[in-house]
Amino acid sequence: MIQELARNSGVPCEKLNIEGYPANEILRVAEDNKVDIIVMGSIGKTGLGDFLLGGVAGKVVMKSKVPVLVVPIKDFD
């Protein structure tokens, strides 16, 4: 679905399947590929407090060297 949205908007998109700790791998791939921005979904499963203190999206936001856009997953329904 995301690839289709990107393609229809003319935005390059590549699907990767990588094993490891998600936040670390997202940050590593972003740095290795010199991305301009990280866009990721959040299902909000753990609530705002956990988002700020933990969770994949929170860790990526806190540690990323590039801007991170976190989109509530409900926006894609």
PDB file of N, CA and C in Angstrom:
ATOM      1  N   MET A   1       0.819  -1.195   0.000  1.00  0.00           N
ATOM      2  CA  MET A   1       0.000   0.000   0.000  1.00  0.00           C
ATOM      3  C   MET A   1       0.864   1.260   0.000  1.00  0.00           C
ATOM      4  N   ILE A   2       1.887   1.319   0.856  1.00  0.00           N
ATOM      5  CA  ILE A   2       2.747   2.501   0.911  1.00  0.00           C
ATOM      6  C   ILE A   2       3.497   2.666  -0.399  1.00  0.00           C
ATOM      7  N   GLN A   3       3.984   1.549  -0.951  1.00  0.00           N
ATOM      8  CA  GLN A   3       4.695   1.629  -2.224  1.00  0.00           C
ATOM      9  C   GLN A   3       3.787   2.190  -3.314  1.00  0.00           C
ATOM     10  N   GLU A   4       2.543   1.789  -3.323  1.00  0.00           N
ATOM     11  CA  GLU A   4       1.590   2.281  -4.315  1.00  0.00           C
ATOM     12  C   GLU A   4       1.343   3.781  -4.135  1.00  0.00           C
ATOM     13  N   LEU A   5       1.167   4.215  -2.891  1.00  0.00           N
ATOM     14  CA  LEU A   5       0.977   5.648  -2.630  1.00  0.00           C
ATOM     15  C   LEU A   5       2.188   6.448  -3.088  1.00  0.00           C
ATOM     16  N   ALA A   6       3.374   5.946  -2.788  1.00  0.00           N
ATOM     17  CA  ALA A   6       4.598   6.641  -3.198  1.00  0.00           C
ATOM     18  C   ALA A   6       4.702   6.684  -4.714  1.00  0.00           C
ATOM     19  N   ARG A   7       4.514   5.547  -5.348  1.00  0.00           N
ATOM     20  CA  ARG A   7       4.614   5.464  -6.810  1.00  0.00           C
ATOM     21  C   ARG A   7       3.637   6.420  -7.475  1.00  0.00           C
ATOM     22  N   ASN A   8       2.409   6.459  -6.990  1.00  0.00           N
ATOM     23  CA  ASN A   8       1.389   7.347  -7.566  1.00  0.00           C
ATOM     24  C   ASN A   8       1.718   8.815  -7.360  1.00  0.00           C
ATOM     25  N   SER A   9       2.556   9.107  -6.365  1.00  0.00           N
ATOM     26  CA  SER A   9       2.954  10.485  -6.080  1.00  0.00           C
ATOM     27  C   SER A   9       4.304  10.838  -6.688  1.00  0.00           C
ATOM     28  N   GLY A  10       4.941   9.867  -7.352  1.00  0.00           N
ATOM     29  CA  GLY A  10       6.237  10.117  -7.965  1.00  0.00           C
ATOM     30  C   GLY A  10       7.398  10.118  -6.976  1.00  0.00           C
ATOM     31  N   VAL A  11       7.208   9.489  -5.826  1.00  0.00           N
ATOM     32  CA  VAL A  11       8.240   9.445  -4.789  1.00  0.00           C
ATOM     33  C   VAL A  11       8.944   8.086  -4.848  1.00  0.00           C
ATOM     34  N   PRO A  12      10.282   8.093  -4.941  1.00  0.00           N
ATOM     35  CA  PRO A  12      10.992   6.807  -4.946  1.00  0.00           C
ATOM     36  C   PRO A  12      10.747   6.061  -3.639  1.00  0.00           C
ATOM     37  N   CYS A  13      10.535   4.757  -3.733  1.00  0.00           N
ATOM     38  CA  CYS A  13      10.256   3.943  -2.564  1.00  0.00           C
ATOM     39  C   CYS A  13      10.836   2.554  -2.798  1.00  0.00           C
ATOM     40  N   GLU A  14      11.552   2.044  -1.807  1.00  0.00           N
ATOM     41  CA  GLU A  14      12.127   0.713  -1.905  1.00  0.00           C
ATOM     42  C   GLU A  14      11.723  -0.084  -0.674  1.00  0.00           C
ATOM     43  N   LYS A  15      11.228  -1.284  -0.881  1.00  0.00           N
ATOM     44  CA  LYS A  15      10.823  -2.152   0.220  1.00  0.00           C
ATOM     45  C   LYS A  15      12.023  -2.993   0.645  1.00  0.00           C
ATOM     46  N   LEU A  16      12.297  -3.020   1.945  1.00  0.00           N
ATOM     47  CA  LEU A  16      13.403  -3.803   2.490  1.00  0.00           C
ATOM     48  C   LEU A  16      12.887  -4.713   3.591  1.00  0.00           C
ATOM     49  N   ASN A  17      13.398  -5.912   3.648  1.00  0.00           N
ATOM     50  CA  ASN A  17      13.126  -6.834   4.754  1.00  0.00           C
ATOM     51  C   ASN A  17      14.447  -7.071   5.464  1.00  0.00           C
ATOM     52  N   ILE A  18      14.564  -6.559   6.673  1.00  0.00           N
ATOM     53  CA  ILE A  18      15.820  -6.608   7.411  1.00  0.00           C
ATOM     54  C   ILE A  18      15.560  -7.179   8.796  1.00  0.00           C
ATOM     55  N   GLU A  19      16.449  -8.040   9.250  1.00  0.00           N
ATOM     56  CA  GLU A  19      16.332  -8.588  10.596  1.00  0.00           C
ATOM     57  C   GLU A  19      17.172  -7.773  11.560  1.00  0.00           C
ATOM     58  N   GLY A  20      16.704  -7.680  12.787  1.00  0.00           N
ATOM     59  CA  GLY A  20      17.436  -6.966  13.816  1.00  0.00           C
ATOM     60  C   GLY A  20      16.484  -6.151  14.667  1.00  0.00           C
ATOM     61  N   TYR A  21      17.060  -5.340  15.545  1.00  0.00           N
ATOM     62  CA  TYR A  21      16.254  -4.475  16.391  1.00  0.00           C
ATOM     63  C   TYR A  21      15.722  -3.328  15.522  1.00  0.00           C
ATOM     64  N   PRO A  22      14.390  -3.170  15.401  1.00  0.00           N
ATOM     65  CA  PRO A  22      13.810  -2.229  14.441  1.00  0.00           C
ATOM     66  C   PRO A  22      14.368  -0.798  14.481  1.00  0.00           C
ATOM     67  N   ALA A  23      14.429  -0.184  15.646  1.00  0.00           N
ATOM     68  CA  ALA A  23      14.896   1.211  15.707  1.00  0.00           C
ATOM     69  C   ALA A  23      16.334   1.316  15.208  1.00  0.00           C
ATOM     70  N   ASN A  24      17.192   0.407  15.653  1.00  0.00           N
ATOM     71  CA  ASN A  24      18.594   0.437  15.211  1.00  0.00           C
ATOM     72  C   ASN A  24      18.710   0.239  13.711  1.00  0.00           C
ATOM     73  N   GLU A  25      17.938  -0.679  13.163  1.00  0.00           N
ATOM     74  CA  GLU A  25      18.024  -0.966  11.731  1.00  0.00           C
ATOM     75  C   GLU A  25      17.481   0.186  10.896  1.00  0.00           C
ATOM     76  N   ILE A  26      16.409   0.808  11.347  1.00  0.00           N
ATOM     77  CA  ILE A  26      15.864   1.972  10.630  1.00  0.00           C
ATOM     78  C   ILE A  26      16.914   3.083  10.585  1.00  0.00           C
ATOM     79  N   LEU A  27      17.542   3.351  11.713  1.00  0.00           N
ATOM     80  CA  LEU A  27      18.566   4.400  11.768  1.00  0.00           C
ATOM     81  C   LEU A  27      19.782   4.036  10.923  1.00  0.00           C
ATOM     82  N   ARG A  28      20.185   2.770  10.942  1.00  0.00           N
ATOM     83  CA  ARG A  28      21.341   2.336  10.157  1.00  0.00           C
ATOM     84  C   ARG A  28      21.075   2.474   8.660  1.00  0.00           C
ATOM     85  N   VAL A  29      19.914   2.011   8.219  1.00  0.00           N
ATOM     86  CA  VAL A  29      19.566   2.096   6.801  1.00  0.00           C
ATOM     87  C   VAL A  29      19.464   3.555   6.364  1.00  0.00           C
ATOM     88  N   ALA A  30      18.890   4.396   7.205  1.00  0.00           N
ATOM     89  CA  ALA A  30      18.781   5.823   6.883  1.00  0.00           C
ATOM     90  C   ALA A  30      20.159   6.444   6.711  1.00  0.00           C
ATOM     91  N   GLU A  31      21.075   6.121   7.609  1.00  0.00           N
ATOM     92  CA  GLU A  31      22.425   6.683   7.516  1.00  0.00           C
ATOM     93  C   GLU A  31      23.184   6.112   6.319  1.00  0.00           C
ATOM     94  N   ASP A  32      23.116   4.803   6.121  1.00  0.00           N
ATOM     95  CA  ASP A  32      23.819   4.164   5.004  1.00  0.00           C
ATOM     96  C   ASP A  32      23.354   4.700   3.660  1.00  0.00           C
ATOM     97  N   ASN A  33      22.081   5.062   3.559  1.00  0.00           N
ATOM     98  CA  ASN A  33      21.507   5.517   2.292  1.00  0.00           C
ATOM     99  C   ASN A  33      21.364   7.033   2.209  1.00  0.00           C
ATOM    100  N   LYS A  34      21.864   7.738   3.214  1.00  0.00           N
ATOM    101  CA  LYS A  34      21.833   9.211   3.237  1.00  0.00           C
ATOM    102  C   LYS A  34      20.443   9.755   2.910  1.00  0.00           C
ATOM    103  N   VAL A  35      19.436   9.233   3.639  1.00  0.00           N
ATOM    104  CA  VAL A  35      18.066   9.679   3.401  1.00  0.00           C
ATOM    105  C   VAL A  35      17.868  11.104   3.925  1.00  0.00           C
ATOM    106  N   ASP A  36      16.898  11.797   3.355  1.00  0.00           N
ATOM    107  CA  ASP A  36      16.585  13.170   3.758  1.00  0.00           C
ATOM    108  C   ASP A  36      15.593  13.214   4.917  1.00  0.00           C
ATOM    109  N   ILE A  37      14.733  12.210   4.984  1.00  0.00           N
ATOM    110  CA  ILE A  37      13.702  12.156   6.015  1.00  0.00           C
ATOM    111  C   ILE A  37      13.290  10.704   6.229  1.00  0.00           C
ATOM    112  N   ILE A  38      12.926  10.378   7.457  1.00  0.00           N
ATOM    113  CA  ILE A  38      12.383   9.062   7.780  1.00  0.00           C
ATOM    114  C   ILE A  38      10.893   9.259   8.014  1.00  0.00           C
ATOM    115  N   VAL A  39      10.075   8.499   7.299  1.00  0.00           N
ATOM    116  CA  VAL A  39       8.630   8.544   7.487  1.00  0.00           C
ATOM    117  C   VAL A  39       8.214   7.176   7.995  1.00  0.00           C
ATOM    118  N   MET A  40       7.536   7.169   9.132  1.00  0.00           N
ATOM    119  CA  MET A  40       7.121   5.894   9.695  1.00  0.00           C
ATOM    120  C   MET A  40       5.746   6.010  10.317  1.00  0.00           C
ATOM    121  N   GLY A  41       5.060   4.888  10.339  1.00  0.00           N
ATOM    122  CA  GLY A  41       3.736   4.838  10.935  1.00  0.00           C
ATOM    123  C   GLY A  41       3.822   4.496  12.409  1.00  0.00           C
ATOM    124  N   SER A  42       2.814   4.891  13.135  1.00  0.00           N
ATOM    125  CA  SER A  42       2.705   4.551  14.546  1.00  0.00           C
ATOM    126  C   SER A  42       1.274   4.145  14.823  1.00  0.00           C
ATOM    127  N   ILE A  43       1.116   2.968  15.415  1.00  0.00           N
ATOM    128  CA  ILE A  43      -0.237   2.512  15.720  1.00  0.00           C
ATOM    129  C   ILE A  43      -0.717   3.044  17.062  1.00  0.00           C
ATOM    130  N   GLY A  44       0.171   3.713  17.801  1.00  0.00           N
ATOM    131  CA  GLY A  44      -0.224   4.312  19.067  1.00  0.00           C
ATOM    132  C   GLY A  44      -0.627   3.291  20.103  1.00  0.00           C
ATOM    133  N   LYS A  45      -0.109   2.095  19.987  1.00  0.00           N
ATOM    134  CA  LYS A  45      -0.492   0.994  20.869  1.00  0.00           C
ATOM    135  C   LYS A  45      -0.100   1.237  22.319  1.00  0.00           C
ATOM    136  N   THR A  46       1.014   1.934  22.531  1.00  0.00           N
ATOM    137  CA  THR A  46       1.515   2.082  23.891  1.00  0.00           C
ATOM    138  C   THR A  46       1.157   3.413  24.531  1.00  0.00           C
ATOM    139  N   GLY A  47       0.565   4.314  23.807  1.00  0.00           N
ATOM    140  CA  GLY A  47       0.182   5.604  24.377  1.00  0.00           C
ATOM    141  C   GLY A  47       1.296   6.624  24.314  1.00  0.00           C
ATOM    142  N   LEU A  48       0.954   7.864  24.585  1.00  0.00           N
ATOM    143  CA  LEU A  48       1.903   8.970  24.461  1.00  0.00           C
ATOM    144  C   LEU A  48       3.085   8.830  25.404  1.00  0.00           C
ATOM    145  N   GLY A  49       2.857   8.450  26.631  1.00  0.00           N
ATOM    146  CA  GLY A  49       3.955   8.313  27.587  1.00  0.00           C
ATOM    147  C   GLY A  49       5.004   7.326  27.117  1.00  0.00           C
ATOM    148  N   ASP A  50       4.580   6.179  26.638  1.00  0.00           N
ATOM    149  CA  ASP A  50       5.524   5.179  26.147  1.00  0.00           C
ATOM    150  C   ASP A  50       6.164   5.630  24.845  1.00  0.00           C
ATOM    151  N   PHE A  51       5.419   6.373  24.021  1.00  0.00           N
ATOM    152  CA  PHE A  51       5.996   6.882  22.772  1.00  0.00           C
ATOM    153  C   PHE A  51       7.190   7.768  23.091  1.00  0.00           C
ATOM    154  N   LEU A  52       7.055   8.616  24.097  1.00  0.00           N
ATOM    155  CA  LEU A  52       8.133   9.533  24.432  1.00  0.00           C
ATOM    156  C   LEU A  52       9.297   8.831  25.124  1.00  0.00           C
ATOM    157  N   LEU A  53       9.021   7.755  25.826  1.00  0.00           N
ATOM    158  CA  LEU A  53      10.057   7.080  26.593  1.00  0.00           C
ATOM    159  C   LEU A  53      10.572   5.804  25.949  1.00  0.00           C
ATOM    160  N   GLY A  54       9.854   5.249  25.033  1.00  0.00           N
ATOM    161  CA  GLY A  54      10.248   3.976  24.443  1.00  0.00           C
ATOM    162  C   GLY A  54       9.524   3.737  23.149  1.00  0.00           C
ATOM    163  N   GLY A  55       9.520   2.507  22.712  1.00  0.00           N
ATOM    164  CA  GLY A  55       8.881   2.167  21.451  1.00  0.00           C
ATOM    165  C   GLY A  55       9.791   2.509  20.287  1.00  0.00           C
ATOM    166  N   VAL A  56       9.530   1.868  19.154  1.00  0.00           N
ATOM    167  CA  VAL A  56      10.386   2.045  17.988  1.00  0.00           C
ATOM    168  C   VAL A  56      10.349   3.488  17.490  1.00  0.00           C
ATOM    169  N   ALA A  57       9.149   4.035  17.288  1.00  0.00           N
ATOM    170  CA  ALA A  57       9.045   5.397  16.764  1.00  0.00           C
ATOM    171  C   ALA A  57       9.729   6.396  17.689  1.00  0.00           C
ATOM    172  N   GLY A  58       9.519   6.264  18.984  1.00  0.00           N
ATOM    173  CA  GLY A  58      10.135   7.182  19.943  1.00  0.00           C
ATOM    174  C   GLY A  58      11.646   7.128  19.904  1.00  0.00           C
ATOM    175  N   LYS A  59      12.207   5.927  19.812  1.00  0.00           N
ATOM    176  CA  LYS A  59      13.661   5.791  19.761  1.00  0.00           C
ATOM    177  C   LYS A  59      14.230   6.351  18.465  1.00  0.00           C
ATOM    178  N   VAL A  60      13.529   6.136  17.363  1.00  0.00           N
ATOM    179  CA  VAL A  60      13.994   6.689  16.089  1.00  0.00           C
ATOM    180  C   VAL A  60      13.953   8.216  16.142  1.00  0.00           C
ATOM    181  N   VAL A  61      12.863   8.768  16.654  1.00  0.00           N
ATOM    182  CA  VAL A  61      12.748  10.230  16.764  1.00  0.00           C
ATOM    183  C   VAL A  61      13.875  10.802  17.612  1.00  0.00           C
ATOM    184  N   MET A  62      14.174  10.166  18.735  1.00  0.00           N
ATOM    185  CA  MET A  62      15.191  10.696  19.651  1.00  0.00           C
ATOM    186  C   MET A  62      16.613  10.567  19.113  1.00  0.00           C
ATOM    187  N   LYS A  63      16.886   9.531  18.322  1.00  0.00           N
ATOM    188  CA  LYS A  63      18.259   9.263  17.914  1.00  0.00           C
ATOM    189  C   LYS A  63      18.587   9.630  16.473  1.00  0.00           C
ATOM    190  N   SER A  64      17.597   9.971  15.674  1.00  0.00           N
ATOM    191  CA  SER A  64      17.826  10.236  14.254  1.00  0.00           C
ATOM    192  C   SER A  64      18.585  11.543  14.025  1.00  0.00           C
ATOM    193  N   LYS A  65      19.456  11.507  13.026  1.00  0.00           N
ATOM    194  CA  LYS A  65      20.196  12.704  12.617  1.00  0.00           C
ATOM    195  C   LYS A  65      19.446  13.473  11.531  1.00  0.00           C
ATOM    196  N   VAL A  66      18.368  12.865  11.002  1.00  0.00           N
ATOM    197  CA  VAL A  66      17.543  13.521   9.980  1.00  0.00           C
ATOM    198  C   VAL A  66      16.126  13.653  10.535  1.00  0.00           C
ATOM    199  N   PRO A  67      15.315  14.527   9.941  1.00  0.00           N
ATOM    200  CA  PRO A  67      13.938  14.676  10.412  1.00  0.00           C
ATOM    201  C   PRO A  67      13.162  13.356  10.322  1.00  0.00           C
ATOM    202  N   VAL A  68      12.238  13.165  11.267  1.00  0.00           N
ATOM    203  CA  VAL A  68      11.383  11.976  11.296  1.00  0.00           C
ATOM    204  C   VAL A  68       9.929  12.441  11.325  1.00  0.00           C
ATOM    205  N   LEU A  69       9.139  11.920  10.397  1.00  0.00           N
ATOM    206  CA  LEU A  69       7.709  12.202  10.355  1.00  0.00           C
ATOM    207  C   LEU A  69       6.985  10.935  10.787  1.00  0.00           C
ATOM    208  N   VAL A  70       6.270  11.018  11.909  1.00  0.00           N
ATOM    209  CA  VAL A  70       5.516   9.871  12.414  1.00  0.00           C
ATOM    210  C   VAL A  70       4.047  10.106  12.076  1.00  0.00           C
ATOM    211  N   VAL A  71       3.484   9.166  11.317  1.00  0.00           N
ATOM    212  CA  VAL A  71       2.111   9.291  10.844  1.00  0.00           C
ATOM    213  C   VAL A  71       1.250   8.257  11.555  1.00  0.00           C
ATOM    214  N   PRO A  72       0.162   8.687  12.189  1.00  0.00           N
ATOM    215  CA  PRO A  72      -0.738   7.704  12.811  1.00  0.00           C
ATOM    216  C   PRO A  72      -1.239   6.733  11.755  1.00  0.00           C
ATOM    217  N   ILE A  73      -1.186   5.458  12.033  1.00  0.00           N
ATOM    218  CA  ILE A  73      -1.544   4.432  11.076  1.00  0.00           C
ATOM    219  C   ILE A  73      -2.992   4.583  10.597  1.00  0.00           C
ATOM    220  N   LYS A  74      -3.861   5.147  11.442  1.00  0.00           N
ATOM    221  CA  LYS A  74      -5.257   5.333  11.040  1.00  0.00           C
ATOM    222  C   LYS A  74      -5.382   6.236   9.828  1.00  0.00           C
ATOM    223  N   ASP A  75      -4.370   7.076   9.548  1.00  0.00           N
ATOM    224  CA  ASP A  75      -4.409   7.942   8.370  1.00  0.00           C
ATOM    225  C   ASP A  75      -4.376   7.150   7.072  1.00  0.00           C
ATOM    226  N   PHE A  76      -3.995   5.866   7.131  1.00  0.00           N
ATOM    227  CA  PHE A  76      -3.902   5.039   5.931  1.00  0.00           C
ATOM    228  C   PHE A  76      -5.102   4.146   5.741  1.00  0.00           C
ATOM    229  N   ASP A  77      -6.065   4.216   6.654  1.00  0.00           N
ATOM    230  CA  ASP A  77      -7.268   3.369   6.534  1.00  0.00           C
ATOM    231  C   ASP A  77      -8.174   3.884   5.448  1.00  0.00           C
TER     232      ASP A  77
END
